[in-house]
PDB file of N, CA and C in Angstrom:
ATOM      1  N   UNK A   1     -32.719  -5.999  -4.004  1.00  0.00           N
ATOM      2  CA  UNK A   1     -31.307  -6.717  -3.628  1.00  0.00           C
ATOM      3  C   UNK A   1     -31.508  -7.237  -2.208  1.00  0.00           C
ATOM      4  N   UNK A   2     -30.809  -8.650  -2.258  1.00  0.00           N
ATOM      5  CA  UNK A   2     -31.176  -9.510  -1.479  1.00  0.00           C
ATOM      6  C   UNK A   2     -30.083  -9.144  -0.077  1.00  0.00           C
ATOM      7  N   UNK A   3     -30.516  -9.557   1.013  1.00  0.00           N
ATOM      8  CA  UNK A   3     -29.513  -9.566   2.201  1.00  0.00           C
ATOM      9  C   UNK A   3     -28.159 -10.144   1.972  1.00  0.00           C
ATOM     10  N   UNK A   4     -27.952 -11.088   1.321  1.00  0.00           N
ATOM     11  CA  UNK A   4     -26.872 -11.878   1.046  1.00  0.00           C
ATOM     12  C   UNK A   4     -25.978 -10.621   0.312  1.00  0.00           C
ATOM     13  N   UNK A   5     -26.318  -9.932  -0.557  1.00  0.00           N
ATOM     14  CA  UNK A   5     -25.522  -9.124  -1.501  1.00  0.00           C
ATOM     15  C   UNK A   5     -25.338  -7.967  -0.486  1.00  0.00           C
ATOM     16  N   UNK A   6     -26.398  -7.313  -0.005  1.00  0.00           N
ATOM     17  CA  UNK A   6     -26.368  -6.399   0.892  1.00  0.00           C
ATOM     18  C   UNK A   6     -25.016  -6.162   1.881  1.00  0.00           C
ATOM     19  N   UNK A   7     -24.764  -7.554   2.481  1.00  0.00           N
ATOM     20  CA  UNK A   7     -23.924  -7.805   3.656  1.00  0.00           C
ATOM     21  C   UNK A   7     -22.522  -7.761   2.899  1.00  0.00           C
ATOM     22  N   UNK A   8     -22.463  -8.113   1.767  1.00  0.00           N
ATOM     23  CA  UNK A   8     -21.111  -8.282   0.859  1.00  0.00           C
ATOM     24  C   UNK A   8     -20.785  -7.002   0.599  1.00  0.00           C
ATOM     25  N   UNK A   9     -21.659  -6.064   0.204  1.00  0.00           N
ATOM     26  CA  UNK A   9     -21.338  -4.693  -0.309  1.00  0.00           C
ATOM     27  C   UNK A   9     -21.022  -3.903   1.025  1.00  0.00           C
ATOM     28  N   UNK A  10     -21.742  -4.129   2.055  1.00  0.00           N
ATOM     29  CA  UNK A  10     -21.480  -3.459   3.452  1.00  0.00           C
ATOM     30  C   UNK A  10     -19.817  -4.026   3.923  1.00  0.00           C
ATOM     31  N   UNK A  11     -19.657  -5.076   3.651  1.00  0.00           N
ATOM     32  CA  UNK A  11     -18.247  -5.613   4.080  1.00  0.00           C
ATOM     33  C   UNK A  11     -17.299  -4.866   3.499  1.00  0.00           C
ATOM     34  N   UNK A  12     -17.449  -4.851   2.070  1.00  0.00           N
ATOM     35  CA  UNK A  12     -16.489  -4.209   1.117  1.00  0.00           C
ATOM     36  C   UNK A  12     -16.243  -2.953   1.427  1.00  0.00           C
ATOM     37  N   UNK A  13     -17.536  -2.134   1.630  1.00  0.00           N
ATOM     38  CA  UNK A  13     -17.289  -0.870   1.793  1.00  0.00           C
ATOM     39  C   UNK A  13     -16.853  -0.449   3.415  1.00  0.00           C
ATOM     40  N   UNK A  14     -17.016  -1.141   4.192  1.00  0.00           N
ATOM     41  CA  UNK A  14     -16.285  -1.136   5.712  1.00  0.00           C
ATOM     42  C   UNK A  14     -14.891  -1.541   5.311  1.00  0.00           C
ATOM     43  N   UNK A  15     -14.445  -2.482   4.678  1.00  0.00           N
ATOM     44  CA  UNK A  15     -13.060  -2.669   4.253  1.00  0.00           C
ATOM     45  C   UNK A  15     -12.313  -1.681   3.869  1.00  0.00           C
ATOM     46  N   UNK A  16     -12.728  -0.903   2.749  1.00  0.00           N
ATOM     47  CA  UNK A  16     -12.236   0.134   2.032  1.00  0.00           C
ATOM     48  C   UNK A  16     -11.893   1.290   2.722  1.00  0.00           C
ATOM     49  N   UNK A  17     -12.967   1.467   3.679  1.00  0.00           N
ATOM     50  CA  UNK A  17     -12.950   2.877   4.819  1.00  0.00           C
ATOM     51  C   UNK A  17     -11.784   2.491   5.718  1.00  0.00           C
ATOM     52  N   UNK A  18     -11.806   1.044   6.314  1.00  0.00           N
ATOM     53  CA  UNK A  18     -10.879   0.932   7.339  1.00  0.00           C
ATOM     54  C   UNK A  18      -9.370   1.060   6.684  1.00  0.00           C
ATOM     55  N   UNK A  19      -9.200   0.508   5.557  1.00  0.00           N
ATOM     56  CA  UNK A  19      -7.848   0.570   4.757  1.00  0.00           C
ATOM     57  C   UNK A  19      -7.566   2.013   4.566  1.00  0.00           C
ATOM     58  N   UNK A  20      -8.526   2.865   4.030  1.00  0.00           N
ATOM     59  CA  UNK A  20      -8.172   4.298   3.841  1.00  0.00           C
ATOM     60  C   UNK A  20      -8.033   5.010   5.213  1.00  0.00           C
ATOM     61  N   UNK A  21      -8.420   4.915   6.176  1.00  0.00           N
ATOM     62  CA  UNK A  21      -8.174   5.246   7.619  1.00  0.00           C
ATOM     63  C   UNK A  21      -6.833   4.603   8.096  1.00  0.00           C
ATOM     64  N   UNK A  22      -6.377   3.549   7.843  1.00  0.00           N
ATOM     65  CA  UNK A  22      -5.159   3.078   8.149  1.00  0.00           C
ATOM     66  C   UNK A  22      -4.189   3.836   7.303  1.00  0.00           C
ATOM     67  N   UNK A  23      -4.289   4.045   6.171  1.00  0.00           N
ATOM     68  CA  UNK A  23      -3.326   4.648   5.428  1.00  0.00           C
ATOM     69  C   UNK A  23      -3.147   5.805   6.080  1.00  0.00           C
ATOM     70  N   UNK A  24      -4.360   6.792   6.434  1.00  0.00           N
ATOM     71  CA  UNK A  24      -4.084   8.194   6.646  1.00  0.00           C
ATOM     72  C   UNK A  24      -3.205   8.064   7.933  1.00  0.00           C
ATOM     73  N   UNK A  25      -3.731   7.262   8.866  1.00  0.00           N
ATOM     74  CA  UNK A  25      -2.728   7.133  10.125  1.00  0.00           C
ATOM     75  C   UNK A  25      -1.271   7.158  10.066  1.00  0.00           C
ATOM     76  N   UNK A  26      -0.895   6.331   8.948  1.00  0.00           N
ATOM     77  CA  UNK A  26       0.255   5.935   8.535  1.00  0.00           C
ATOM     78  C   UNK A  26       0.961   7.193   8.066  1.00  0.00           C
ATOM     79  N   UNK A  27       0.363   8.085   7.285  1.00  0.00           N
ATOM     80  CA  UNK A  27       0.870   9.298   6.687  1.00  0.00           C
ATOM     81  C   UNK A  27       1.059  10.098   7.768  1.00  0.00           C
ATOM     82  N   UNK A  28       0.159  10.169   8.897  1.00  0.00           N
ATOM     83  CA  UNK A  28       0.459  11.345   9.913  1.00  0.00           C
ATOM     84  C   UNK A  28       1.557  10.990  10.859  1.00  0.00           C
ATOM     85  N   UNK A  29       1.809   9.740  10.898  1.00  0.00           N
ATOM     86  CA  UNK A  29       2.962   9.276  11.904  1.00  0.00           C
ATOM     87  C   UNK A  29       4.088   9.648  10.994  1.00  0.00           C
ATOM     88  N   UNK A  30       4.155   9.171   9.740  1.00  0.00           N
ATOM     89  CA  UNK A  30       5.356   9.383   9.024  1.00  0.00           C
ATOM     90  C   UNK A  30       5.920  10.919   8.981  1.00  0.00           C
ATOM     91  N   UNK A  31       4.895  11.844   8.645  1.00  0.00           N
ATOM     92  CA  UNK A  31       4.875  13.216   8.359  1.00  0.00           C
ATOM     93  C   UNK A  31       5.045  13.970   9.767  1.00  0.00           C
ATOM     94  N   UNK A  32       4.646  13.393  10.838  1.00  0.00           N
ATOM     95  CA  UNK A  32       4.749  14.226  11.925  1.00  0.00           C
ATOM     96  C   UNK A  32       6.323  13.883  12.477  1.00  0.00           C
ATOM     97  N   UNK A  33       7.078  13.000  12.281  1.00  0.00           N
ATOM     98  CA  UNK A  33       8.513  12.907  12.526  1.00  0.00           C
ATOM     99  C   UNK A  33       9.467  13.415  11.425  1.00  0.00           C
ATOM    100  N   UNK A  34       8.902  14.086  10.551  1.00  0.00           N
ATOM    101  CA  UNK A  34       9.555  14.380   9.600  1.00  0.00           C
ATOM    102  C   UNK A  34      10.010  15.864   9.870  1.00  0.00           C
ATOM    103  N   UNK A  35      11.463  16.195   9.529  1.00  0.00           N
ATOM    104  CA  UNK A  35      11.957  17.580   9.737  1.00  0.00           C
ATOM    105  C   UNK A  35      12.773  18.034   8.673  1.00  0.00           C
ATOM    106  N   UNK A  36      12.239  19.204   7.944  1.00  0.00           N
ATOM    107  CA  UNK A  36      12.667  19.483   6.663  1.00  0.00           C
ATOM    108  C   UNK A  36      14.231  20.349   7.007  1.00  0.00           C
ATOM    109  N   UNK A  37      14.392  20.564   8.081  1.00  0.00           N
ATOM    110  CA  UNK A  37      15.674  21.212   8.676  1.00  0.00           C
ATOM    111  C   UNK A  37      16.946  19.997   8.472  1.00  0.00           C
ATOM    112  N   UNK A  38      16.349  18.975   8.249  1.00  0.00           N
ATOM    113  CA  UNK A  38      17.450  17.747   8.268  1.00  0.00           C
ATOM    114  C   UNK A  38      17.932  17.537   6.816  1.00  0.00           C
ATOM    115  N   UNK A  39      17.192  18.382   5.913  1.00  0.00           N
ATOM    116  CA  UNK A  39      17.664  17.889   4.498  1.00  0.00           C
ATOM    117  C   UNK A  39      18.955  18.953   4.334  1.00  0.00           C
ATOM    118  N   UNK A  40      19.850  18.388   3.516  1.00  0.00           N
ATOM    119  CA  UNK A  40      21.261  18.847   3.219  1.00  0.00           C
ATOM    120  C   UNK A  40      21.054  20.178   2.718  1.00  0.00           C
ATOM    121  N   UNK A  41      20.291  20.314   1.207  1.00  0.00           N
ATOM    122  CA  UNK A  41      20.337  21.502   0.840  1.00  0.00           C
ATOM    123  C   UNK A  41      18.842  21.802   0.033  1.00  0.00           C
ATOM    124  N   UNK A  42      18.700  22.975  -0.417  1.00  0.00           N
ATOM    125  CA  UNK A  42      17.310  23.403  -1.016  1.00  0.00           C
ATOM    126  C   UNK A  42      16.610  22.529  -1.886  1.00  0.00           C
ATOM    127  N   UNK A  43      17.569  21.928  -2.684  1.00  0.00           N
ATOM    128  CA  UNK A  43      16.707  21.343  -3.976  1.00  0.00           C
ATOM    129  C   UNK A  43      16.179  20.067  -3.107  1.00  0.00           C
ATOM    130  N   UNK A  44      16.691  19.136  -2.108  1.00  0.00           N
ATOM    131  CA  UNK A  44      16.165  18.336  -1.493  1.00  0.00           C
ATOM    132  C   UNK A  44      15.276  18.727  -0.731  1.00  0.00           C
ATOM    133  N   UNK A  45      15.092  19.861  -0.183  1.00  0.00           N
ATOM    134  CA  UNK A  45      13.864  20.555   0.579  1.00  0.00           C
ATOM    135  C   UNK A  45      12.736  20.764  -0.194  1.00  0.00           C
ATOM    136  N   UNK A  46      12.998  21.416  -1.455  1.00  0.00           N
ATOM    137  CA  UNK A  46      11.839  21.323  -2.251  1.00  0.00           C
ATOM    138  C   UNK A  46      11.307  20.060  -2.806  1.00  0.00           C
ATOM    139  N   UNK A  47      11.940  19.354  -3.160  1.00  0.00           N
ATOM    140  CA  UNK A  47      11.522  17.820  -3.447  1.00  0.00           C
ATOM    141  C   UNK A  47      10.830  17.318  -2.480  1.00  0.00           C
ATOM    142  N   UNK A  48      11.157  17.646  -1.101  1.00  0.00           N
ATOM    143  CA  UNK A  48      10.367  16.766  -0.269  1.00  0.00           C
ATOM    144  C   UNK A  48       9.096  17.742   0.082  1.00  0.00           C
ATOM    145  N   UNK A  49       9.043  18.764   0.184  1.00  0.00           N
ATOM    146  CA  UNK A  49       7.827  19.907  -0.173  1.00  0.00           C
ATOM    147  C   UNK A  49       6.980  19.323  -0.942  1.00  0.00           C
ATOM    148  N   UNK A  50       7.435  18.961  -2.237  1.00  0.00           N
ATOM    149  CA  UNK A  50       6.574  18.644  -3.485  1.00  0.00           C
ATOM    150  C   UNK A  50       5.949  17.393  -3.012  1.00  0.00           C
ATOM    151  N   UNK A  51       6.557  16.548  -2.580  1.00  0.00           N
ATOM    152  CA  UNK A  51       6.183  14.961  -2.114  1.00  0.00           C
ATOM    153  C   UNK A  51       5.311  15.182  -1.067  1.00  0.00           C
ATOM    154  N   UNK A  52       5.561  15.960   0.023  1.00  0.00           N
ATOM    155  CA  UNK A  52       4.441  16.174   1.034  1.00  0.00           C
ATOM    156  C   UNK A  52       3.058  16.771   0.313  1.00  0.00           C
ATOM    157  N   UNK A  53       3.279  17.840  -0.406  1.00  0.00           N
ATOM    158  CA  UNK A  53       2.173  18.427  -0.958  1.00  0.00           C
ATOM    159  C   UNK A  53       0.972  17.228  -1.639  1.00  0.00           C
ATOM    160  N   UNK A  54       1.695  16.437  -2.614  1.00  0.00           N
ATOM    161  CA  UNK A  54       1.172  15.460  -3.235  1.00  0.00           C
ATOM    162  C   UNK A  54       0.328  14.264  -2.213  1.00  0.00           C
ATOM    163  N   UNK A  55       1.246  14.129  -1.105  1.00  0.00           N
ATOM    164  CA  UNK A  55       0.571  13.073  -0.211  1.00  0.00           C
ATOM    165  C   UNK A  55      -0.671  13.784   0.396  1.00  0.00           C
ATOM    166  N   UNK A  56      -0.448  15.124   0.838  1.00  0.00           N
ATOM    167  CA  UNK A  56      -1.555  15.791   1.471  1.00  0.00           C
ATOM    168  C   UNK A  56      -2.952  16.025   0.463  1.00  0.00           C
ATOM    169  N   UNK A  57      -2.637  16.196  -0.950  1.00  0.00           N
ATOM    170  CA  UNK A  57      -3.571  16.143  -2.106  1.00  0.00           C
ATOM    171  C   UNK A  57      -4.271  14.872  -1.954  1.00  0.00           C
ATOM    172  N   UNK A  58      -3.626  13.630  -1.676  1.00  0.00           N
ATOM    173  CA  UNK A  58      -4.088  12.327  -1.976  1.00  0.00           C
ATOM    174  C   UNK A  58      -5.064  11.902  -0.933  1.00  0.00           C
ATOM    175  N   UNK A  59      -4.682  12.577   0.392  1.00  0.00           N
ATOM    176  CA  UNK A  59      -5.368  12.407   1.622  1.00  0.00           C
ATOM    177  C   UNK A  59      -6.605  12.952   1.773  1.00  0.00           C
ATOM    178  N   UNK A  60      -6.603  14.434   0.936  1.00  0.00           N
ATOM    179  CA  UNK A  60      -7.936  15.021   0.519  1.00  0.00           C
ATOM    180  C   UNK A  60      -8.629  14.209  -0.100  1.00  0.00           C
ATOM    181  N   UNK A  61      -8.239  13.698  -1.175  1.00  0.00           N
ATOM    182  CA  UNK A  61      -9.306  12.836  -2.122  1.00  0.00           C
ATOM    183  C   UNK A  61      -9.853  11.619  -1.127  1.00  0.00           C
ATOM    184  N   UNK A  62      -8.998  11.010  -0.563  1.00  0.00           N
ATOM    185  CA  UNK A  62      -9.291   9.691   0.354  1.00  0.00           C
ATOM    186  C   UNK A  62     -10.340  10.450   1.260  1.00  0.00           C
ATOM    187  N   UNK A  63     -10.042  11.693   1.885  1.00  0.00           N
ATOM    188  CA  UNK A  63     -11.227  11.985   2.801  1.00  0.00           C
ATOM    189  C   UNK A  63     -12.678  12.013   2.186  1.00  0.00           C
ATOM    190  N   UNK A  64     -12.701  12.740   0.834  1.00  0.00           N
ATOM    191  CA  UNK A  64     -13.772  12.738   0.188  1.00  0.00           C
ATOM    192  C   UNK A  64     -14.225  11.404  -0.212  1.00  0.00           C
ATOM    193  N   UNK A  65     -13.370  10.322  -0.611  1.00  0.00           N
ATOM    194  CA  UNK A  65     -13.899   9.001  -0.817  1.00  0.00           C
ATOM    195  C   UNK A  65     -14.693   8.369   0.696  1.00  0.00           C
ATOM    196  N   UNK A  66     -14.021   8.581   1.639  1.00  0.00           N
ATOM    197  CA  UNK A  66     -14.599   8.170   2.976  1.00  0.00           C
ATOM    198  C   UNK A  66     -16.056   8.703   3.299  1.00  0.00           C
ATOM    199  N   UNK A  67     -16.049  10.075   2.780  1.00  0.00           N
ATOM    200  CA  UNK A  67     -17.440  10.531   2.977  1.00  0.00           C
ATOM    201  C   UNK A  67     -18.405   9.860   2.078  1.00  0.00           C
ATOM    202  N   UNK A  68     -18.150   9.539   0.993  1.00  0.00           N
ATOM    203  CA  UNK A  68     -18.975   8.710  -0.087  1.00  0.00           C
ATOM    204  C   UNK A  68     -19.157   7.609   0.676  1.00  0.00           C
ATOM    205  N   UNK A  69     -18.096   6.637   1.005  1.00  0.00           N
ATOM    206  CA  UNK A  69     -18.448   5.483   1.761  1.00  0.00           C
ATOM    207  C   UNK A  69     -19.339   5.468   2.909  1.00  0.00           C
ATOM    208  N   UNK A  70     -19.379   6.577   3.796  1.00  0.00           N
ATOM    209  CA  UNK A  70     -20.222   6.672   4.862  1.00  0.00           C
ATOM    210  C   UNK A  70     -21.659   6.725   4.408  1.00  0.00           C
ATOM    211  N   UNK A  71     -21.757   7.771   3.257  1.00  0.00           N
ATOM    212  CA  UNK A  71     -23.352   7.798   2.604  1.00  0.00           C
ATOM    213  C   UNK A  71     -23.535   6.754   1.980  1.00  0.00           C
ATOM    214  N   UNK A  72     -22.724   5.457   1.461  1.00  0.00           N
ATOM    215  CA  UNK A  72     -22.962   4.445   0.800  1.00  0.00           C
ATOM    216  C   UNK A  72     -23.439   3.577   1.972  1.00  0.00           C
ATOM    217  N   UNK A  73     -22.924   3.534   3.007  1.00  0.00           N
ATOM    218  CA  UNK A  73     -23.224   2.491   4.296  1.00  0.00           C
ATOM    219  C   UNK A  73     -24.483   3.130   4.722  1.00  0.00           C
ATOM    220  N   UNK A  74     -24.786   4.454   4.803  1.00  0.00           N
ATOM    221  CA  UNK A  74     -26.280   4.709   5.192  1.00  0.00           C
ATOM    222  C   UNK A  74     -27.407   4.313   4.377  1.00  0.00           C
ATOM    223  N   UNK A  75     -27.160   4.412   2.965  1.00  0.00           N
ATOM    224  CA  UNK A  75     -28.107   3.606   2.221  1.00  0.00           C
ATOM    225  C   UNK A  75     -28.173   2.252   2.559  1.00  0.00           C
ATOM    226  N   UNK A  76     -27.213   1.393   2.634  1.00  0.00           N
ATOM    227  CA  UNK A  76     -27.127   0.074   2.948  1.00  0.00           C
ATOM    228  C   UNK A  76     -28.159   0.151   4.024  1.00  0.00           C
ATOM    229  N   UNK A  77     -28.089   1.023   5.144  1.00  0.00           N
ATOM    230  CA  UNK A  77     -28.923   0.806   6.380  1.00  0.00           C
ATOM    231  C   UNK A  77     -30.193   1.238   6.249  1.00  0.00           C
ATOM    232  N   UNK A  78     -30.358   2.269   5.471  1.00  0.00           N
ATOM    233  CA  UNK A  78     -32.161   2.498   5.313  1.00  0.00           C
ATOM    234  C   UNK A  78     -32.565   1.799   3.993  1.00  0.00           C
ATOM    235  N   UNK A  79     -31.959   1.017   3.147  1.00  0.00           N
ATOM    236  CA  UNK A  79     -32.594   0.257   2.479  1.00  0.00           C
ATOM    237  C   UNK A  79     -32.511   0.737   0.955  1.00  0.00           C
ATOM    238  N   UNK A  80     -32.151   1.914   0.413  1.00  0.00           N
ATOM    239  CA  UNK A  80     -31.779   2.440  -0.802  1.00  0.00           C
ATOM    240  C   UNK A  80     -30.548   2.036  -1.637  1.00  0.00           C
ATOM    241  N   UNK A  81     -29.794   1.151  -0.931  1.00  0.00           N
ATOM    242  CA  UNK A  81     -28.306   1.117  -1.582  1.00  0.00           C
ATOM    243  C   UNK A  81     -28.692   0.246  -2.909  1.00  0.00           C
ATOM    244  N   UNK A  82     -28.049   0.695  -3.784  1.00  0.00           N
ATOM    245  CA  UNK A  82     -28.340   0.091  -5.215  1.00  0.00           C
ATOM    246  C   UNK A  82     -29.395   0.533  -6.039  1.00  0.00           C
ATOM    247  N   UNK A  83     -29.887   1.432  -5.515  1.00  0.00           N
ATOM    248  CA  UNK A  83     -30.880   2.034  -6.422  1.00  0.00           C
ATOM    249  C   UNK A  83     -30.417   3.414  -6.991  1.00  0.00           C
ATOM    250  N   UNK A  84     -30.725   3.741  -8.051  1.00  0.00           N
ATOM    251  CA  UNK A  84     -30.306   5.032  -8.707  1.00  0.00           C
ATOM    252  C   UNK A  84     -31.049   5.989  -8.225  1.00  0.00           C
ATOM    253  N   UNK A  85     -30.444   7.099  -7.751  1.00  0.00           N
ATOM    254  CA  UNK A  85     -30.993   8.178  -7.095  1.00  0.00           C
ATOM    255  C   UNK A  85     -31.760   9.128  -8.294  1.00  0.00           C
ATOM    256  N   UNK A  86     -31.340   9.064  -9.276  1.00  0.00           N
ATOM    257  CA  UNK A  86     -31.969   9.743 -10.360  1.00  0.00           C
ATOM    258  C   UNK A  86     -33.202   9.103 -10.800  1.00  0.00           C
ATOM    259  N   UNK A  87     -33.102   7.763 -11.524  1.00  0.00           N
ATOM    260  CA  UNK A  87     -34.302   7.113 -12.089  1.00  0.00           C
ATOM    261  C   UNK A  87     -34.798   6.256 -11.209  1.00  0.00           C
ATOM    262  N   UNK A  88     -34.393   5.882 -10.040  1.00  0.00           N
ATOM    263  CA  UNK A  88     -34.836   4.782  -9.260  1.00  0.00           C
ATOM    264  C   UNK A  88     -34.906   3.567  -9.663  1.00  0.00           C
ATOM    265  N   UNK A  89     -34.181   3.280 -10.767  1.00  0.00           N
ATOM    266  CA  UNK A  89     -33.976   1.838 -11.342  1.00  0.00           C
ATOM    267  C   UNK A  89     -32.769   1.221 -10.167  1.00  0.00           C
ATOM    268  N   UNK A  90     -32.731   0.051 -10.571  1.00  0.00           N
ATOM    269  CA  UNK A  90     -31.761  -0.721  -9.709  1.00  0.00           C
ATOM    270  C   UNK A  90     -30.276  -0.874 -10.659  1.00  0.00           C
ATOM    271  N   UNK A  91     -29.390  -0.484  -9.668  1.00  0.00           N
ATOM    272  CA  UNK A  91     -28.165  -0.379 -10.277  1.00  0.00           C
ATOM    273  C   UNK A  91     -27.389  -1.824 -10.538  1.00  0.00           C
ATOM    274  N   UNK A  92     -26.762  -2.047 -11.794  1.00  0.00           N
ATOM    275  CA  UNK A  92     -26.483  -3.508 -11.922  1.00  0.00           C
ATOM    276  C   UNK A  92     -25.229  -3.765 -11.015  1.00  0.00           C
ATOM    277  N   UNK A  93     -25.230  -4.995 -10.619  1.00  0.00           N
ATOM    278  CA  UNK A  93     -24.146  -5.741  -9.672  1.00  0.00           C
ATOM    279  C   UNK A  93     -22.866  -5.429 -10.166  1.00  0.00           C
ATOM    280  N   UNK A  94     -22.520  -5.362 -11.371  1.00  0.00           N
ATOM    281  CA  UNK A  94     -21.404  -5.218 -12.200  1.00  0.00           C
ATOM    282  C   UNK A  94     -20.881  -3.706 -11.847  1.00  0.00           C
ATOM    283  N   UNK A  95     -21.861  -2.906 -11.801  1.00  0.00           N
ATOM    284  CA  UNK A  95     -21.445  -1.399 -11.587  1.00  0.00           C
ATOM    285  C   UNK A  95     -21.228  -1.438  -9.995  1.00  0.00           C
ATOM    286  N   UNK A  96     -21.924  -1.942  -9.287  1.00  0.00           N
ATOM    287  CA  UNK A  96     -21.911  -1.602  -7.725  1.00  0.00           C
ATOM    288  C   UNK A  96     -20.472  -2.416  -7.540  1.00  0.00           C
ATOM    289  N   UNK A  97     -20.105  -3.655  -8.230  1.00  0.00           N
ATOM    290  CA  UNK A  97     -18.920  -4.245  -7.759  1.00  0.00           C
ATOM    291  C   UNK A  97     -17.733  -3.201  -8.031  1.00  0.00           C
ATOM    292  N   UNK A  98     -17.644  -2.670  -8.939  1.00  0.00           N
ATOM    293  CA  UNK A  98     -16.732  -1.754  -9.569  1.00  0.00           C
ATOM    294  C   UNK A  98     -16.513  -0.521  -8.809  1.00  0.00           C
ATOM    295  N   UNK A  99     -17.581  -0.039  -8.174  1.00  0.00           N
ATOM    296  CA  UNK A  99     -17.703   1.118  -7.756  1.00  0.00           C
ATOM    297  C   UNK A  99     -18.814   1.173  -6.766  1.00  0.00           C
ATOM    298  N   UNK A 100     -18.869   0.652  -5.426  1.00  0.00           N
ATOM    299  CA  UNK A 100     -19.758   0.467  -4.373  1.00  0.00           C
ATOM    300  C   UNK A 100     -20.327   1.953  -3.912  1.00  0.00           C
ATOM    301  N   UNK A 101     -19.554   2.789  -3.975  1.00  0.00           N
ATOM    302  CA  UNK A 101     -20.042   4.245  -3.530  1.00  0.00           C
ATOM    303  C   UNK A 101     -21.195   4.866  -4.687  1.00  0.00           C
ATOM    304  N   UNK A 102     -21.179   4.254  -5.778  1.00  0.00           N
ATOM    305  CA  UNK A 102     -21.965   5.057  -6.663  1.00  0.00           C
ATOM    306  C   UNK A 102     -23.507   5.289  -6.344  1.00  0.00           C
ATOM    307  N   UNK A 103     -23.802   6.222  -6.901  1.00  0.00           N
ATOM    308  CA  UNK A 103     -25.468   6.559  -6.661  1.00  0.00           C
ATOM    309  C   UNK A 103     -26.398   6.622  -7.907  1.00  0.00           C
ATOM    310  N   UNK A 104     -25.511   6.423  -8.968  1.00  0.00           N
ATOM    311  CA  UNK A 104     -26.223   6.448 -10.015  1.00  0.00           C
ATOM    312  C   UNK A 104     -25.870   5.075 -11.160  1.00  0.00           C
ATOM    313  N   UNK A 105     -27.025   4.887 -11.734  1.00  0.00           N
ATOM    314  CA  UNK A 105     -26.972   3.660 -12.799  1.00  0.00           C
ATOM    315  C   UNK A 105     -25.969   4.188 -13.974  1.00  0.00           C
ATOM    316  N   UNK A 106     -25.461   3.252 -14.552  1.00  0.00           N
ATOM    317  CA  UNK A 106     -24.424   3.683 -15.946  1.00  0.00           C
ATOM    318  C   UNK A 106     -25.173   4.528 -16.802  1.00  0.00           C
ATOM    319  N   UNK A 107     -26.599   4.395 -17.205  1.00  0.00           N
ATOM    320  CA  UNK A 107     -27.241   5.124 -18.062  1.00  0.00           C
ATOM    321  C   UNK A 107     -27.346   6.545 -17.541  1.00  0.00           C
ATOM    322  N   UNK A 108     -27.614   6.907 -16.306  1.00  0.00           N
ATOM    323  CA  UNK A 108     -27.717   8.294 -15.589  1.00  0.00           C
ATOM    324  C   UNK A 108     -26.497   8.708 -15.722  1.00  0.00           C
ATOM    325  N   UNK A 109     -25.262   8.102 -15.061  1.00  0.00           N
ATOM    326  CA  UNK A 109     -23.976   8.518 -15.024  1.00  0.00           C
ATOM    327  C   UNK A 109     -23.450   8.970 -16.389  1.00  0.00           C
ATOM    328  N   UNK A 110     -23.705   8.235 -17.595  1.00  0.00           N
ATOM    329  CA  UNK A 110     -23.323   8.896 -18.893  1.00  0.00           C
ATOM    330  C   UNK A 110     -24.007   9.979 -19.051  1.00  0.00           C
ATOM    331  N   UNK A 111     -25.268  10.321 -18.996  1.00  0.00           N
ATOM    332  CA  UNK A 111     -25.871  11.339 -19.315  1.00  0.00           C
ATOM    333  C   UNK A 111     -25.351  12.431 -18.617  1.00  0.00           C
ATOM    334  N   UNK A 112     -25.374  12.066 -17.285  1.00  0.00           N
ATOM    335  CA  UNK A 112     -24.252  13.213 -16.247  1.00  0.00           C
ATOM    336  C   UNK A 112     -23.176  13.765 -16.967  1.00  0.00           C
ATOM    337  N   UNK A 113     -22.252  13.030 -17.127  1.00  0.00           N
ATOM    338  CA  UNK A 113     -21.174  13.073 -17.982  1.00  0.00           C
ATOM    339  C   UNK A 113     -20.985  13.829 -19.287  1.00  0.00           C
ATOM    340  N   UNK A 114     -22.002  13.408 -20.095  1.00  0.00           N
ATOM    341  CA  UNK A 114     -22.349  14.255 -21.418  1.00  0.00           C
ATOM    342  C   UNK A 114     -22.745  15.667 -21.120  1.00  0.00           C
ATOM    343  N   UNK A 115     -23.293  16.178 -20.097  1.00  0.00           N
ATOM    344  CA  UNK A 115     -23.852  17.271 -19.779  1.00  0.00           C
ATOM    345  C   UNK A 115     -22.894  18.057 -19.363  1.00  0.00           C
ATOM    346  N   UNK A 116     -21.836  17.395 -18.317  1.00  0.00           N
ATOM    347  CA  UNK A 116     -20.683  18.246 -17.929  1.00  0.00           C
ATOM    348  C   UNK A 116     -19.825  18.542 -18.750  1.00  0.00           C
ATOM    349  N   UNK A 117     -19.658  17.458 -19.886  1.00  0.00           N
ATOM    350  CA  UNK A 117     -18.725  17.662 -21.121  1.00  0.00           C
ATOM    351  C   UNK A 117     -19.138  18.739 -21.955  1.00  0.00           C
ATOM    352  N   UNK A 118     -20.448  18.984 -22.125  1.00  0.00           N
ATOM    353  CA  UNK A 118     -20.995  20.166 -22.786  1.00  0.00           C
ATOM    354  C   UNK A 118     -20.707  21.416 -22.433  1.00  0.00           C
ATOM    355  N   UNK A 119     -20.727  21.291 -21.061  1.00  0.00           N
ATOM    356  CA  UNK A 119     -20.513  22.888 -20.279  1.00  0.00           C
ATOM    357  C   UNK A 119     -19.224  22.888 -20.085  1.00  0.00           C
ATOM    358  N   UNK A 120     -18.167  22.290 -20.488  1.00  0.00           N
ATOM    359  CA  UNK A 120     -16.910  22.226 -20.648  1.00  0.00           C
ATOM    360  C   UNK A 120     -16.280  22.963 -19.499  1.00  0.00           C
TER     361      UNK A 120
END
């Protein structure tokens, strides 16, 4: 992979990470100013707690994605970005454009998913 493409993927990853971190900060600010005692009845409180729970689950998924982004940035820096970790062939640019945190080429990912499906 050439340097121009690596720079583009690095910027894409850094922008995604910045966006996720900004979103997390926003949630922290909004949730820290929220008081369930201000809600008029138990139904409103239950709905609010459900919404809060969903937000925290989303943030947990985002935390996992940030970890994947950090690992992808490490691969950019050490020169292994864009190489399948299983077969060591180059991952197609279309796949990297769609999912820059990927570590597997499409063929190896499909094999992995088939195995996971068979173990059900």
